[in-house]
Amino acid sequence: RFVGADGSSPVFAGIIAPSIEEVQFAIPDQTGGDFYEVWIRYKLTLFDAGGNNVGELPLIGYGKANERNFSQLGQQTPALHEATTWALRGAAAELSLRFRNKTAVQNWLATIGVVPKT
């Protein structure tokens, strides 16, 4: 159960609690090319307003950046940073485009009276 600092019950429909389950990256020596690659695996846990776990959703972000695009800077970390940025963006896009279509989310929305538009 969620309560405010004053002991009152806050007004909300639920909570989405994200966690990072795994981060992987590969450098050009590992990929056999000129690319840095990053994978980030998240788990989103859904809680209703009563604090009950109503579902979990996996979410994966992937990013890739070419080392050659950054070689003139004299360092490789910008390419790894760029690949990580794309992995974060990919996860955000996946969440924004497909969140409502997940069964756990649809079940949760139905319990709070939200009906998807058809």
N, C-alpha and C. Protein backbone atom coordinates (compact mmCIF):
# COMPACT_ATOMS: atom_id res chain seq x y z
N ARG A 1 0.85 -1.17 0.00
CA ARG A 1 0.00 0.00 0.00
C ARG A 1 0.89 1.23 0.00
N PHE A 2 0.50 2.20 -0.79
CA PHE A 2 1.27 3.44 -0.87
C PHE A 2 0.58 4.52 -0.05
N VAL A 3 1.35 5.24 0.72
CA VAL A 3 0.80 6.34 1.52
C VAL A 3 1.71 7.55 1.41
N GLY A 4 1.10 8.72 1.54
CA GLY A 4 1.87 9.95 1.53
C GLY A 4 2.60 10.14 2.85
N ALA A 5 3.45 11.16 2.92
CA ALA A 5 4.21 11.44 4.14
C ALA A 5 3.29 11.74 5.31
N ASP A 6 2.11 12.28 5.01
CA ASP A 6 1.15 12.61 6.07
C ASP A 6 0.20 11.46 6.39
N GLY A 7 0.42 10.30 5.77
CA GLY A 7 -0.42 9.13 6.02
C GLY A 7 -1.63 9.03 5.11
N SER A 8 -1.82 10.04 4.27
CA SER A 8 -2.97 10.02 3.36
C SER A 8 -2.70 9.11 2.17
N SER A 9 -3.76 8.70 1.52
CA SER A 9 -3.64 7.88 0.32
C SER A 9 -3.51 8.79 -0.89
N PRO A 10 -2.41 8.70 -1.61
CA PRO A 10 -2.25 9.54 -2.80
C PRO A 10 -3.22 9.10 -3.90
N VAL A 11 -3.55 10.03 -4.78
CA VAL A 11 -4.46 9.74 -5.88
C VAL A 11 -3.63 9.41 -7.11
N PHE A 12 -3.63 8.16 -7.49
CA PHE A 12 -2.95 7.71 -8.71
C PHE A 12 -3.52 6.36 -9.08
N ALA A 13 -3.32 5.98 -10.32
CA ALA A 13 -3.85 4.71 -10.81
C ALA A 13 -2.88 3.56 -10.62
N GLY A 14 -1.60 3.86 -10.52
CA GLY A 14 -0.62 2.82 -10.37
C GLY A 14 0.79 3.36 -10.49
N ILE A 15 1.73 2.47 -10.39
CA ILE A 15 3.14 2.83 -10.47
C ILE A 15 3.83 1.87 -11.43
N ILE A 16 4.71 2.43 -12.24
CA ILE A 16 5.57 1.64 -13.11
C ILE A 16 6.97 1.75 -12.52
N ALA A 17 7.51 0.63 -12.06
CA ALA A 17 8.83 0.61 -11.44
C ALA A 17 9.83 -0.04 -12.40
N PRO A 18 10.70 0.77 -13.03
CA PRO A 18 11.68 0.20 -13.95
C PRO A 18 12.92 -0.29 -13.21
N SER A 19 13.53 -1.33 -13.74
CA SER A 19 14.82 -1.77 -13.24
C SER A 19 15.65 -2.27 -14.42
N ILE A 20 16.94 -2.08 -14.33
CA ILE A 20 17.85 -2.57 -15.37
C ILE A 20 18.28 -3.97 -14.96
N GLU A 21 17.98 -4.93 -15.80
CA GLU A 21 18.32 -6.32 -15.52
C GLU A 21 19.71 -6.68 -16.03
N GLU A 22 20.09 -6.10 -17.16
CA GLU A 22 21.37 -6.47 -17.76
C GLU A 22 21.81 -5.41 -18.76
N VAL A 23 23.10 -5.17 -18.82
CA VAL A 23 23.70 -4.29 -19.82
C VAL A 23 24.84 -5.06 -20.47
N GLN A 24 24.85 -5.06 -21.79
CA GLN A 24 25.93 -5.71 -22.54
C GLN A 24 26.44 -4.72 -23.56
N PHE A 25 27.72 -4.79 -23.84
CA PHE A 25 28.25 -3.99 -24.94
C PHE A 25 29.34 -4.78 -25.64
N ALA A 26 29.54 -4.43 -26.89
CA ALA A 26 30.58 -5.07 -27.69
C ALA A 26 31.38 -3.97 -28.38
N ILE A 27 32.69 -4.16 -28.43
CA ILE A 27 33.57 -3.20 -29.08
C ILE A 27 33.99 -3.76 -30.43
N PRO A 28 34.56 -2.92 -31.31
CA PRO A 28 34.91 -3.39 -32.65
C PRO A 28 35.76 -4.65 -32.68
N ASP A 29 36.68 -4.82 -31.74
CA ASP A 29 37.48 -6.05 -31.71
C ASP A 29 36.62 -7.29 -31.53
N GLN A 30 35.49 -7.13 -30.84
CA GLN A 30 34.59 -8.26 -30.59
C GLN A 30 33.60 -8.47 -31.73
N THR A 31 33.19 -7.38 -32.37
CA THR A 31 32.17 -7.50 -33.42
C THR A 31 32.78 -7.86 -34.77
N GLY A 32 34.10 -7.73 -34.88
CA GLY A 32 34.75 -8.05 -36.15
C GLY A 32 34.52 -6.98 -37.20
N GLY A 33 34.12 -5.82 -36.78
CA GLY A 33 33.88 -4.72 -37.72
C GLY A 33 34.28 -3.40 -37.08
N ASP A 34 33.58 -2.36 -37.48
CA ASP A 34 33.87 -1.02 -36.98
C ASP A 34 32.82 -0.53 -35.99
N PHE A 35 32.06 -1.43 -35.42
CA PHE A 35 30.90 -1.02 -34.65
C PHE A 35 31.02 -1.29 -33.15
N TYR A 36 30.46 -0.37 -32.41
CA TYR A 36 30.18 -0.55 -30.99
C TYR A 36 28.70 -0.89 -30.90
N GLU A 37 28.35 -1.85 -30.07
CA GLU A 37 26.95 -2.23 -29.89
C GLU A 37 26.63 -2.28 -28.41
N VAL A 38 25.40 -1.88 -28.07
CA VAL A 38 24.96 -1.87 -26.67
C VAL A 38 23.55 -2.45 -26.59
N TRP A 39 23.35 -3.33 -25.62
CA TRP A 39 22.03 -3.88 -25.32
C TRP A 39 21.72 -3.57 -23.86
N ILE A 40 20.51 -3.09 -23.61
CA ILE A 40 20.07 -2.85 -22.23
C ILE A 40 18.75 -3.57 -22.05
N ARG A 41 18.70 -4.46 -21.06
CA ARG A 41 17.47 -5.20 -20.78
C ARG A 41 16.87 -4.68 -19.48
N TYR A 42 15.63 -4.21 -19.60
CA TYR A 42 14.89 -3.67 -18.46
C TYR A 42 13.79 -4.63 -18.05
N LYS A 43 13.32 -4.43 -16.83
CA LYS A 43 12.09 -5.07 -16.38
C LYS A 43 11.23 -3.95 -15.81
N LEU A 44 10.01 -3.82 -16.32
CA LEU A 44 9.06 -2.86 -15.79
C LEU A 44 8.06 -3.63 -14.94
N THR A 45 7.96 -3.28 -13.68
CA THR A 45 7.00 -3.91 -12.80
C THR A 45 5.84 -2.95 -12.60
N LEU A 46 4.63 -3.45 -12.81
CA LEU A 46 3.42 -2.63 -12.68
C LEU A 46 2.77 -2.91 -11.33
N PHE A 47 2.44 -1.85 -10.62
CA PHE A 47 1.74 -1.95 -9.35
C PHE A 47 0.44 -1.16 -9.45
N ASP A 48 -0.62 -1.72 -8.89
CA ASP A 48 -1.87 -0.95 -8.84
C ASP A 48 -1.79 0.04 -7.68
N ALA A 49 -2.85 0.82 -7.50
CA ALA A 49 -2.85 1.86 -6.46
C ALA A 49 -2.76 1.28 -5.05
N GLY A 50 -3.09 0.01 -4.90
CA GLY A 50 -2.98 -0.65 -3.60
C GLY A 50 -1.62 -1.24 -3.33
N GLY A 51 -0.70 -1.11 -4.29
CA GLY A 51 0.64 -1.65 -4.12
C GLY A 51 0.79 -3.09 -4.54
N ASN A 52 -0.24 -3.65 -5.17
CA ASN A 52 -0.19 -5.04 -5.62
C ASN A 52 0.51 -5.13 -6.97
N ASN A 53 1.39 -6.10 -7.10
CA ASN A 53 2.06 -6.34 -8.37
C ASN A 53 1.04 -6.90 -9.35
N VAL A 54 0.82 -6.17 -10.45
CA VAL A 54 -0.17 -6.62 -11.44
C VAL A 54 0.47 -7.09 -12.74
N GLY A 55 1.79 -7.06 -12.80
CA GLY A 55 2.44 -7.57 -13.99
C GLY A 55 3.86 -7.07 -14.15
N GLU A 56 4.59 -7.76 -14.99
CA GLU A 56 5.96 -7.38 -15.31
C GLU A 56 6.13 -7.43 -16.81
N LEU A 57 6.88 -6.48 -17.32
CA LEU A 57 7.12 -6.41 -18.76
C LEU A 57 8.61 -6.35 -19.04
N PRO A 58 9.09 -7.18 -19.94
CA PRO A 58 10.49 -7.03 -20.37
C PRO A 58 10.57 -5.91 -21.41
N LEU A 59 11.70 -5.26 -21.46
CA LEU A 59 11.92 -4.19 -22.43
C LEU A 59 13.39 -4.21 -22.79
N ILE A 60 13.68 -4.23 -24.08
CA ILE A 60 15.07 -4.30 -24.52
C ILE A 60 15.37 -3.13 -25.44
N GLY A 61 16.50 -2.49 -25.19
CA GLY A 61 16.98 -1.43 -26.07
C GLY A 61 18.29 -1.87 -26.71
N TYR A 62 18.46 -1.51 -27.98
CA TYR A 62 19.67 -1.88 -28.72
C TYR A 62 20.19 -0.65 -29.44
N GLY A 63 21.49 -0.47 -29.42
CA GLY A 63 22.10 0.64 -30.14
C GLY A 63 23.40 0.22 -30.79
N LYS A 64 23.73 0.90 -31.87
CA LYS A 64 24.93 0.57 -32.64
C LYS A 64 25.51 1.87 -33.19
N ALA A 65 26.83 2.01 -33.15
CA ALA A 65 27.49 3.19 -33.70
C ALA A 65 28.79 2.78 -34.37
N ASN A 66 29.08 3.42 -35.48
CA ASN A 66 30.28 3.13 -36.25
C ASN A 66 31.47 3.91 -35.68
N GLU A 67 32.51 3.18 -35.36
CA GLU A 67 33.74 3.77 -34.82
C GLU A 67 34.31 4.82 -35.77
N ARG A 68 34.20 4.60 -37.06
CA ARG A 68 34.78 5.51 -38.06
C ARG A 68 34.15 6.90 -38.00
N ASN A 69 32.91 6.98 -37.57
CA ASN A 69 32.26 8.28 -37.48
C ASN A 69 32.87 9.16 -36.40
N PHE A 70 33.64 8.55 -35.49
CA PHE A 70 34.20 9.29 -34.37
C PHE A 70 35.72 9.25 -34.34
N SER A 71 36.36 8.57 -35.29
CA SER A 71 37.82 8.39 -35.25
C SER A 71 38.58 9.70 -35.36
N GLN A 72 38.03 10.70 -36.04
CA GLN A 72 38.72 11.98 -36.17
C GLN A 72 38.81 12.71 -34.83
N LEU A 73 38.03 12.30 -33.86
CA LEU A 73 38.07 12.92 -32.54
C LEU A 73 39.21 12.37 -31.69
N GLY A 74 39.85 11.29 -32.15
CA GLY A 74 40.99 10.73 -31.45
C GLY A 74 40.65 9.86 -30.25
N GLN A 75 39.39 9.50 -30.12
CA GLN A 75 39.01 8.61 -29.02
C GLN A 75 37.79 7.80 -29.43
N GLN A 76 37.65 6.63 -28.80
CA GLN A 76 36.56 5.74 -29.16
C GLN A 76 35.33 5.90 -28.27
N THR A 77 35.48 6.51 -27.12
CA THR A 77 34.33 6.58 -26.21
C THR A 77 33.12 7.29 -26.79
N PRO A 78 33.27 8.29 -27.68
CA PRO A 78 32.06 8.87 -28.27
C PRO A 78 31.21 7.84 -29.02
N ALA A 79 31.85 6.88 -29.67
CA ALA A 79 31.09 5.86 -30.39
C ALA A 79 30.33 4.97 -29.42
N LEU A 80 30.95 4.60 -28.32
CA LEU A 80 30.26 3.80 -27.31
C LEU A 80 29.12 4.61 -26.69
N HIS A 81 29.36 5.87 -26.45
CA HIS A 81 28.32 6.76 -25.92
C HIS A 81 27.15 6.85 -26.90
N GLU A 82 27.45 7.00 -28.17
CA GLU A 82 26.39 7.08 -29.20
C GLU A 82 25.59 5.78 -29.27
N ALA A 83 26.26 4.65 -29.21
CA ALA A 83 25.55 3.36 -29.23
C ALA A 83 24.64 3.24 -28.00
N THR A 84 25.12 3.70 -26.86
CA THR A 84 24.31 3.66 -25.64
C THR A 84 23.10 4.57 -25.77
N THR A 85 23.30 5.75 -26.34
CA THR A 85 22.18 6.68 -26.56
C THR A 85 21.12 6.04 -27.44
N TRP A 86 21.54 5.36 -28.50
CA TRP A 86 20.58 4.69 -29.38
C TRP A 86 19.86 3.55 -28.67
N ALA A 87 20.55 2.85 -27.79
CA ALA A 87 19.89 1.79 -27.02
C ALA A 87 18.82 2.37 -26.10
N LEU A 88 19.11 3.50 -25.47
CA LEU A 88 18.12 4.17 -24.61
C LEU A 88 16.93 4.65 -25.43
N ARG A 89 17.21 5.24 -26.59
CA ARG A 89 16.13 5.71 -27.46
C ARG A 89 15.28 4.56 -27.97
N GLY A 90 15.93 3.45 -28.29
CA GLY A 90 15.19 2.29 -28.76
C GLY A 90 14.23 1.76 -27.71
N ALA A 91 14.69 1.70 -26.48
CA ALA A 91 13.82 1.24 -25.39
C ALA A 91 12.66 2.22 -25.18
N ALA A 92 12.94 3.51 -25.26
CA ALA A 92 11.89 4.51 -25.09
C ALA A 92 10.86 4.42 -26.21
N ALA A 93 11.31 4.19 -27.43
CA ALA A 93 10.38 4.04 -28.55
C ALA A 93 9.52 2.80 -28.38
N GLU A 94 10.13 1.71 -27.98
CA GLU A 94 9.39 0.47 -27.74
C GLU A 94 8.32 0.68 -26.68
N LEU A 95 8.68 1.36 -25.62
CA LEU A 95 7.73 1.63 -24.54
C LEU A 95 6.58 2.51 -25.02
N SER A 96 6.90 3.57 -25.72
CA SER A 96 5.85 4.50 -26.14
C SER A 96 4.94 3.91 -27.21
N LEU A 97 5.46 3.06 -28.06
CA LEU A 97 4.65 2.52 -29.16
C LEU A 97 3.87 1.26 -28.79
N ARG A 98 4.38 0.47 -27.86
CA ARG A 98 3.77 -0.84 -27.62
C ARG A 98 3.27 -1.08 -26.19
N PHE A 99 3.44 -0.12 -25.31
CA PHE A 99 3.08 -0.31 -23.91
C PHE A 99 1.62 -0.72 -23.74
N ARG A 100 0.70 0.00 -24.37
CA ARG A 100 -0.74 -0.28 -24.20
C ARG A 100 -1.14 -1.63 -24.78
N ASN A 101 -0.35 -2.19 -25.68
CA ASN A 101 -0.72 -3.46 -26.32
C ASN A 101 -0.33 -4.68 -25.49
N LYS A 102 0.43 -4.50 -24.45
CA LYS A 102 0.86 -5.63 -23.62
C LYS A 102 -0.30 -6.13 -22.77
N THR A 103 -0.44 -7.43 -22.66
CA THR A 103 -1.55 -8.04 -21.93
C THR A 103 -1.62 -7.55 -20.48
N ALA A 104 -0.50 -7.52 -19.80
CA ALA A 104 -0.50 -7.07 -18.39
C ALA A 104 -1.00 -5.64 -18.27
N VAL A 105 -0.62 -4.79 -19.22
CA VAL A 105 -1.05 -3.40 -19.20
C VAL A 105 -2.54 -3.30 -19.50
N GLN A 106 -3.01 -4.05 -20.49
CA GLN A 106 -4.44 -4.03 -20.81
C GLN A 106 -5.27 -4.50 -19.63
N ASN A 107 -4.83 -5.53 -18.94
CA ASN A 107 -5.54 -6.02 -17.76
C ASN A 107 -5.57 -4.96 -16.66
N TRP A 108 -4.43 -4.31 -16.44
CA TRP A 108 -4.35 -3.26 -15.43
C TRP A 108 -5.27 -2.09 -15.79
N LEU A 109 -5.23 -1.65 -17.05
CA LEU A 109 -6.08 -0.55 -17.48
C LEU A 109 -7.56 -0.89 -17.33
N ALA A 110 -7.91 -2.14 -17.62
CA ALA A 110 -9.31 -2.56 -17.48
C ALA A 110 -9.76 -2.47 -16.03
N THR A 111 -8.87 -2.80 -15.09
CA THR A 111 -9.26 -2.76 -13.67
C THR A 111 -9.49 -1.34 -13.17
N ILE A 112 -8.89 -0.34 -13.84
CA ILE A 112 -9.09 1.05 -13.41
C ILE A 112 -10.10 1.77 -14.30
N GLY A 113 -10.74 1.01 -15.20
CA GLY A 113 -11.80 1.58 -16.01
C GLY A 113 -11.37 2.29 -17.28
N VAL A 114 -10.13 2.08 -17.69
CA VAL A 114 -9.66 2.68 -18.94
C VAL A 114 -9.88 1.67 -20.06
N VAL A 115 -10.65 2.09 -21.05
CA VAL A 115 -10.95 1.21 -22.18
C VAL A 115 -10.17 1.72 -23.38
N PRO A 116 -9.37 0.86 -24.00
CA PRO A 116 -8.60 1.29 -25.17
C PRO A 116 -9.52 1.78 -26.29
N LYS A 117 -9.08 2.83 -26.99
CA LYS A 117 -9.83 3.33 -28.14
C LYS A 117 -9.69 2.35 -29.28
N THR A 118 -10.77 2.17 -30.03
CA THR A 118 -10.71 1.26 -31.18
C THR A 118 -10.77 2.02 -32.47
